[in-house]
Protein backbone atom coordinates (compact mmCIF):
# COMPACT_ATOMS: atom_id res chain seq x y z
CA UNK A 1 13.90 32.85 -14.66
CA UNK A 2 11.37 35.12 -12.96
CA UNK A 3 7.87 33.83 -12.22
CA UNK A 4 5.24 36.55 -12.21
CA UNK A 5 2.57 34.63 -10.33
CA UNK A 6 1.84 31.18 -8.92
CA UNK A 7 -1.38 29.80 -7.47
CA UNK A 8 -0.98 27.49 -4.47
CA UNK A 9 -3.75 25.23 -3.11
CA UNK A 10 -3.64 23.86 0.44
CA UNK A 11 -6.46 21.77 1.91
CA UNK A 12 -6.59 22.49 5.63
CA UNK A 13 -8.68 22.36 8.82
CA UNK A 14 -8.49 24.18 12.15
CA UNK A 15 -6.04 21.74 13.72
CA UNK A 16 -3.55 22.33 10.88
CA UNK A 17 -3.78 26.11 10.52
CA UNK A 18 -1.05 26.74 13.11
CA UNK A 19 1.39 24.74 10.99
CA UNK A 20 0.36 26.68 7.88
CA UNK A 21 1.08 29.97 9.67
CA UNK A 22 4.36 28.86 11.24
CA UNK A 23 5.82 26.73 8.43
CA UNK A 24 4.14 26.97 5.06
CA UNK A 25 3.53 30.71 4.75
CA UNK A 26 7.04 31.74 5.90
CA UNK A 27 8.53 29.31 3.38
CA UNK A 28 6.38 30.77 0.60
CA UNK A 29 7.52 34.28 1.55
CA UNK A 30 11.13 33.21 0.94
CA UNK A 31 10.63 31.75 -2.55
CA UNK A 32 13.24 33.13 -4.91
CA UNK A 33 12.41 34.50 -8.36
CA UNK A 34 8.66 34.54 -7.68
CA UNK A 35 7.00 37.97 -7.71
CA UNK A 36 3.58 36.93 -6.40
CA UNK A 37 2.08 33.85 -4.76
CA UNK A 38 -1.66 33.37 -4.32
CA UNK A 39 -2.21 30.94 -1.45
CA UNK A 40 -5.73 29.51 -1.36
CA UNK A 41 -6.52 27.77 1.91
CA UNK A 42 -9.29 25.27 1.21
CA UNK A 43 -11.38 24.82 4.35
CA UNK A 44 -12.27 21.18 3.77
CA UNK A 45 -14.56 21.00 6.81
CA UNK A 46 -17.05 23.36 5.17
CA UNK A 47 -17.63 25.02 8.54
CA UNK A 48 -16.87 28.44 10.02
CA UNK A 49 -13.68 30.31 9.22
CA UNK A 50 -10.31 28.85 10.14
CA UNK A 51 -7.78 31.51 9.10
CA UNK A 52 -7.73 34.80 11.02
CA UNK A 53 -4.35 36.11 9.88
CA UNK A 54 -3.48 38.88 7.42
CA UNK A 55 -4.52 38.73 3.77
CA UNK A 56 -0.98 39.56 2.69
CA UNK A 57 2.37 38.37 4.00
CA UNK A 58 5.28 39.63 1.93
CA UNK A 59 4.54 38.71 -1.71
CA UNK A 60 2.02 36.05 -0.56
CA UNK A 61 -1.68 36.82 -0.91
CA UNK A 62 -3.78 34.59 1.35
CA UNK A 63 -7.42 33.72 0.80
CA UNK A 64 -9.62 31.13 2.49
CA UNK A 65 -12.18 29.39 0.28
CA UNK A 66 -15.03 27.20 1.44
CA UNK A 67 -17.57 25.13 -0.50
CA UNK A 68 -19.94 24.91 2.46
CA UNK A 69 -19.60 21.15 2.81
CA UNK A 70 -17.00 18.62 3.95
CA UNK A 71 -14.59 17.67 1.19
CA UNK A 72 -12.10 14.88 0.63
CA UNK A 73 -8.59 15.70 -0.62
CA UNK A 74 -9.31 15.29 -4.32
CA UNK A 75 -12.72 16.92 -4.06
CA UNK A 76 -11.20 19.91 -2.25
CA UNK A 77 -8.65 20.53 -4.99
CA UNK A 78 -11.22 20.01 -7.74
CA UNK A 79 -13.33 22.67 -6.02
CA UNK A 80 -10.37 25.07 -5.80
CA UNK A 81 -9.43 24.49 -9.44
CA UNK A 82 -12.96 25.22 -10.63
CA UNK A 83 -13.20 28.31 -8.43
CA UNK A 84 -9.81 29.84 -9.20
CA UNK A 85 -9.21 28.55 -12.74
CA UNK A 86 -5.39 28.78 -12.70
CA UNK A 87 -4.16 29.61 -16.20
CA UNK A 88 -1.00 27.56 -16.67
CA UNK A 89 -0.25 25.50 -13.57
CA UNK A 90 -0.90 25.36 -9.84
CA UNK A 91 0.90 23.97 -6.81
CA UNK A 92 -0.79 21.50 -4.46
CA UNK A 93 0.89 21.47 -1.07
CA UNK A 94 0.20 19.85 2.29
CA UNK A 95 -0.14 22.13 5.33
CA UNK A 96 2.75 20.46 7.19
CA UNK A 97 5.41 21.38 4.61
CA UNK A 98 8.26 23.88 4.56
CA UNK A 99 9.52 24.62 1.05
CA UNK A 100 13.17 25.30 0.26
CA UNK A 101 13.59 28.80 -1.19
CA UNK A 102 14.23 27.50 -4.72
CA UNK A 103 11.41 24.95 -4.71
CA UNK A 104 8.72 26.70 -6.75
CA UNK A 105 11.17 28.16 -9.25
CA UNK A 106 12.75 24.75 -9.87
CA UNK A 107 9.35 23.07 -10.32
CA UNK A 108 8.11 25.74 -12.73
CA UNK A 109 11.32 25.54 -14.74
CA UNK A 110 10.86 21.76 -14.96
CA UNK A 111 7.23 21.89 -16.09
CA UNK A 112 8.09 24.49 -18.72
CA UNK A 113 10.91 22.35 -20.10
CA UNK A 114 8.52 19.94 -21.86
CA UNK A 115 4.93 20.61 -22.90
CA UNK A 116 4.02 16.96 -22.22
CA UNK A 117 4.86 17.12 -18.53
CA UNK A 118 1.59 17.02 -16.60
CA UNK A 119 2.84 16.71 -13.02
CA UNK A 120 6.09 17.72 -11.32
CA UNK A 121 6.80 16.29 -7.88
CA UNK A 122 9.05 18.00 -5.36
CA UNK A 123 11.62 15.95 -3.47
CA UNK A 124 10.21 15.03 -0.08
CA UNK A 125 12.61 15.26 2.87
CA UNK A 126 13.56 14.09 5.47
CA UNK A 127 11.66 10.93 4.47
CA UNK A 128 10.89 10.22 0.84
CA UNK A 129 9.18 7.45 -1.04
CA UNK A 130 11.95 5.04 -2.11
CA UNK A 131 10.61 4.79 -5.65
CA UNK A 132 12.40 4.65 -8.95
CA UNK A 133 12.79 7.54 -11.35
CA UNK A 134 14.80 8.17 -14.50
CA UNK A 135 18.06 9.86 -13.53
CA UNK A 136 18.04 11.97 -16.70
CA UNK A 137 14.40 12.86 -17.37
CA UNK A 138 13.06 12.50 -13.82
CA UNK A 139 10.18 10.34 -15.06
CA UNK A 140 8.55 8.35 -12.27
CA UNK A 141 5.48 6.07 -12.07
CA UNK A 142 3.56 8.36 -9.72
CA UNK A 143 3.89 11.60 -7.76
CA UNK A 144 3.00 12.15 -4.13
CA UNK A 145 0.32 14.78 -3.51
CA UNK A 146 2.33 16.26 -0.64
CA UNK A 147 3.85 18.73 -3.12
CA UNK A 148 3.08 18.69 -6.84
CA UNK A 149 2.97 21.30 -9.57
CA UNK A 150 0.14 20.41 -11.94
CA UNK A 151 -0.40 21.66 -15.48
CA UNK A 152 -3.89 23.19 -15.67
CA UNK A 153 -4.49 21.99 -19.22
CA UNK A 154 -3.83 18.41 -18.19
CA UNK A 155 -5.88 18.61 -14.99
CA UNK A 156 -8.92 19.97 -16.84
CA UNK A 157 -8.57 17.47 -19.68
CA UNK A 158 -8.64 14.42 -17.39
CA UNK A 159 -11.38 15.81 -15.14
CA UNK A 160 -9.22 16.42 -12.07
CA UNK A 161 -9.02 13.99 -9.17
CA UNK A 162 -11.27 10.96 -8.89
CA UNK A 163 -13.39 11.98 -5.89
CA UNK A 164 -14.34 8.39 -5.06
CA UNK A 165 -10.97 8.03 -3.32
CA UNK A 166 -11.94 10.69 -0.73
CA UNK A 167 -8.38 10.66 0.67
CA UNK A 168 -5.18 8.72 -0.08
CA UNK A 169 -4.15 7.07 -3.39
CA UNK A 170 -5.86 9.78 -5.45
CA UNK A 171 -2.39 11.08 -6.31
CA UNK A 172 -1.40 7.67 -7.70
CA UNK A 173 -4.59 7.56 -9.76
CA UNK A 174 -4.02 11.08 -11.15
CA UNK A 175 -0.45 10.14 -12.07
CA UNK A 176 -1.54 6.99 -13.85
CA UNK A 177 -4.20 8.89 -15.78
CA UNK A 178 -1.47 11.32 -16.83
CA UNK A 179 0.50 8.44 -18.35
CA UNK A 180 -2.65 7.08 -20.00
CA UNK A 181 -3.32 10.50 -21.56
CA UNK A 182 0.27 10.74 -22.82
CA UNK A 183 1.48 13.24 -20.26
CA UNK A 184 4.55 12.48 -18.18
CA UNK A 185 5.05 12.56 -14.42
CA UNK A 186 8.46 13.67 -13.22
CA UNK A 187 10.43 14.12 -10.01
CA UNK A 188 12.39 17.34 -9.61
CA UNK A 189 15.12 16.53 -7.10
CA UNK A 190 16.35 20.12 -7.01
CA UNK A 191 12.94 21.23 -5.67
CA UNK A 192 12.83 20.30 -1.99
CA UNK A 193 9.91 20.25 0.42
CA UNK A 194 10.43 19.32 4.06
CA UNK A 195 7.38 17.28 5.02
CA UNK A 196 6.92 16.66 8.73
CA UNK A 197 4.17 14.10 8.42
CA UNK A 198 2.61 12.34 11.42
CA UNK A 199 3.45 9.05 9.78
CA UNK A 200 6.98 9.41 11.18
CA UNK A 201 6.62 11.70 14.16
CA UNK A 202 3.24 11.11 15.79
CA UNK A 203 1.74 7.71 14.95
CA UNK A 204 1.82 4.88 17.48
CA UNK A 205 2.49 1.30 16.48
CA UNK A 206 -0.37 -0.03 18.62
CA UNK A 207 -3.11 2.05 16.98
CA UNK A 208 -4.78 2.29 13.57
CA UNK A 209 -5.53 5.65 12.06
CA UNK A 210 -7.79 7.02 9.35
CA UNK A 211 -4.81 6.92 6.99
CA UNK A 212 -4.56 3.15 7.43
CA UNK A 213 -8.25 2.66 6.68
CA UNK A 214 -8.48 4.94 3.64
CA UNK A 215 -5.19 3.86 2.13
CA UNK A 216 -6.24 0.20 2.49
CA UNK A 217 -9.73 0.71 1.08
CA UNK A 218 -8.36 2.81 -1.77
CA UNK A 219 -5.61 0.28 -2.49
CA UNK A 220 -8.39 -2.19 -3.29
CA UNK A 221 -10.28 0.40 -5.34
CA UNK A 222 -7.17 1.41 -7.31
CA UNK A 223 -6.39 -2.24 -8.08
CA UNK A 224 -9.94 -2.83 -9.27
CA UNK A 225 -10.07 0.37 -11.36
CA UNK A 226 -6.86 -0.44 -13.25
CA UNK A 227 -6.74 -4.24 -13.27
CA UNK A 228 -10.35 -5.37 -12.92
CA UNK A 229 -11.43 -8.39 -10.91
CA UNK A 230 -8.04 -10.10 -11.15
CA UNK A 231 -6.39 -6.97 -9.82
CA UNK A 232 -8.83 -6.82 -6.94
CA UNK A 233 -8.19 -10.48 -6.09
CA UNK A 234 -4.45 -9.84 -5.96
CA UNK A 235 -4.91 -6.70 -3.87
CA UNK A 236 -7.16 -8.58 -1.45
CA UNK A 237 -4.42 -11.16 -1.02
CA UNK A 238 -1.86 -8.44 -0.33
CA UNK A 239 -4.22 -6.97 2.29
CA UNK A 240 -4.75 -10.40 3.82
CA UNK A 241 -1.00 -10.83 4.23
CA UNK A 242 -0.60 -7.60 6.22
CA UNK A 243 -0.38 -7.52 10.01
CA UNK A 244 -3.66 -5.63 10.34
CA UNK A 245 -6.17 -7.41 12.61
CA UNK A 246 -8.96 -9.44 10.99
CA UNK A 247 -11.71 -7.06 12.08
CA UNK A 248 -9.85 -4.17 10.40
CA UNK A 249 -9.52 -6.15 7.16
CA UNK A 250 -13.22 -7.02 7.23
CA UNK A 251 -14.13 -3.35 7.70
CA UNK A 252 -11.94 -2.37 4.74
CA UNK A 253 -13.49 -5.03 2.49
CA UNK A 254 -16.98 -4.01 3.59
CA UNK A 255 -16.25 -0.37 2.72
CA UNK A 256 -14.96 -1.38 -0.71
CA UNK A 257 -18.04 -3.53 -1.38
CA UNK A 258 -20.29 -0.58 -0.54
CA UNK A 259 -18.69 1.60 -3.22
CA UNK A 260 -20.45 2.35 -6.50
CA UNK A 261 -17.91 0.93 -8.91
CA UNK A 262 -19.70 1.49 -12.22
CA UNK A 263 -17.36 4.24 -13.40
CA UNK A 264 -14.30 2.24 -12.37
CA UNK A 265 -15.59 -0.78 -14.31
CA UNK A 266 -16.10 1.35 -17.43
CA UNK A 267 -12.67 2.94 -16.96
CA UNK A 268 -10.94 -0.46 -16.93
CA UNK A 269 -12.85 -1.70 -19.97
CA UNK A 270 -11.89 1.43 -21.91
CA UNK A 271 -8.21 1.56 -20.90
CA UNK A 272 -7.12 -2.04 -20.21
CA UNK A 273 -5.05 -2.40 -23.39
CA UNK A 274 -3.13 0.82 -22.79
CA UNK A 275 -2.71 -0.05 -19.10
CA UNK A 276 -1.01 -3.27 -20.22
CA UNK A 277 1.26 -1.29 -22.58
CA UNK A 278 2.25 1.00 -19.71
CA UNK A 279 3.08 -1.81 -17.29
CA UNK A 280 6.43 -0.22 -16.42
CA UNK A 281 4.58 2.83 -15.07
CA UNK A 282 1.17 1.47 -14.00
CA UNK A 283 1.93 -1.39 -11.63
CA UNK A 284 1.26 -2.80 -8.19
CA UNK A 285 4.22 -4.54 -6.59
CA UNK A 286 2.82 -5.12 -3.11
CA UNK A 287 0.49 -3.66 -0.51
CA UNK A 288 0.33 0.09 -1.24
CA UNK A 289 3.46 -0.21 -3.36
CA UNK A 290 3.16 1.27 -6.83
CA UNK A 291 6.81 1.32 -7.84
CA UNK A 292 10.09 -0.56 -7.76
CA UNK A 293 12.23 0.17 -4.73
CA UNK A 294 15.38 2.18 -5.35
CA UNK A 295 18.55 0.28 -4.73
């Protein structure tokens, strides 16, 4: 199968542009059976210009886009989607990723295999989420935003990412809304992305990072959005049982309490029956755990 064109969105700042140039772009150049790739670098800082390289590299066209304001992960990709308007599908990729040469072709082939597939997730190596998926269909409860091919029709229909997450857990929310809207979310194990995230190579055990804060705050928000007050109470207990210090937990709870949760309240009221029906896909099994562990 030959792919004529594929749009790729990457949310990036100055500190990450070196990785994009050294890892991501060379891996895109080597994609088999793809005639043209349009790489849109989303400058999520909203300031200055961060990419000074060529506009073309092999069959990869490179363009920096900027909304003029600071954007969270979901907001950045909503902005790119509305600006570019990809026709059939688009790839969301992290800047610190190197794609195997067959990755895009395998993902596109998968999304074309069933019109009800809304999201295709690449296999994340060397460290992957140990979550369950159907060995035949590839269906999985949620897909990691590190590398996902998203059907444009689905993304537009559900209104894109929920921007209240700012960063972290928005990929879980998008996946769950896919299931609620009768689209499926699938893993494509033959599509491999090597993700050299700081979570494994840079983080220190004696420090707390922005990822810890946002993933904790958004864990509470996700639980509230999908399971109401009882879900929030359970999530708060999970947070309480973590090894985070008390002052960190208080800061997370304070941030959650400051959120405007009107839309989340309405969302739960509208969807609670279907959420219950989809309990094998939409579930919280522990702190930041939205799946069963693979055995």
